[in-house]
Protein backbone atom coordinates (compact mmCIF):
# COMPACT_ATOMS: atom_id res chain seq x y z
CA MET A 1 47.49 22.57 -147.76
CA PRO A 2 45.64 19.44 -149.01
CA LYS A 3 47.23 16.03 -149.21
CA LEU A 4 48.82 15.02 -152.51
CA LYS A 5 47.33 12.02 -154.28
CA THR A 6 49.59 9.21 -155.43
CA HIS A 7 49.37 8.25 -159.11
CA LYS A 8 48.34 4.61 -158.73
CA GLY A 9 49.80 3.51 -162.07
CA ALA A 10 53.16 5.05 -161.16
CA SER A 11 53.13 3.54 -157.66
CA LYS A 12 52.91 0.07 -159.22
CA ARG A 13 55.83 0.73 -161.60
CA PHE A 14 58.29 2.66 -159.42
CA LYS A 15 59.74 2.23 -155.92
CA LYS A 16 61.60 4.80 -153.85
CA THR A 17 64.94 3.85 -152.29
CA GLY A 18 65.99 4.85 -148.81
CA THR A 19 68.04 7.77 -150.13
CA GLY A 20 65.17 9.18 -152.24
CA LYS A 21 66.19 7.78 -155.61
CA VAL A 22 63.59 5.97 -157.75
CA LYS A 23 63.95 2.43 -159.08
CA ARG A 24 62.24 1.00 -162.15
CA HIS A 25 62.17 -2.26 -164.06
CA LYS A 26 63.25 -2.65 -167.66
CA ALA A 27 60.84 -3.39 -170.51
CA PHE A 28 60.87 -6.21 -173.13
CA LEU A 29 60.83 -9.20 -170.79
CA ARG A 30 57.19 -10.31 -171.10
CA HIS A 31 56.91 -12.42 -174.27
CA ILE A 32 58.76 -13.51 -177.44
CA LEU A 33 61.72 -14.46 -175.25
CA THR A 34 63.02 -17.27 -177.45
CA SER A 35 64.52 -14.83 -179.94
CA LYS A 36 66.37 -12.87 -177.24
CA ALA A 37 69.82 -13.85 -175.99
CA LYS A 38 70.25 -15.26 -172.48
CA LYS A 39 72.64 -12.43 -171.61
CA ARG A 40 70.10 -9.82 -172.74
CA LYS A 41 67.27 -11.41 -170.74
CA LYS A 42 69.45 -11.58 -167.65
CA LYS A 43 70.26 -7.88 -167.91
CA LEU A 44 66.62 -6.97 -168.50
CA GLY A 45 65.70 -8.69 -165.23
CA ASN A 46 67.72 -6.22 -163.15
CA SER A 47 66.17 -3.01 -161.88
CA VAL A 48 67.75 0.36 -162.67
CA LEU A 49 67.40 3.93 -161.45
CA VAL A 50 65.10 6.39 -163.22
CA SER A 51 67.07 8.81 -165.40
CA ALA A 52 67.62 12.40 -164.25
CA ALA A 53 65.46 13.70 -167.11
CA ASP A 54 62.36 11.87 -165.83
CA LEU A 55 63.07 11.93 -162.10
CA HIS A 56 61.19 15.15 -161.31
CA LYS A 57 58.01 13.94 -163.05
CA VAL A 58 58.11 10.53 -161.38
CA LYS A 59 58.75 11.95 -157.91
CA ARG A 60 55.73 14.22 -158.31
CA MET A 61 53.57 11.19 -159.10
CA ILE A 62 54.76 9.23 -156.04
CA PRO A 63 55.07 11.85 -153.27
CA TYR A 64 55.11 9.40 -150.32
């Protein structure tokens, strides 16, 4: 059985937790921040878990 290759774009965007879940960062925090509320920007800064619908695809891209 050959080794699986890691999707390099996915490896930069997602991190695996110790229990096997996958973390991601939220979008919309790069520019045009003056028109966004402080509360919204604070919440966008936190990382969240990948949804169950996308989890299988993401785990296949980052096997290790």
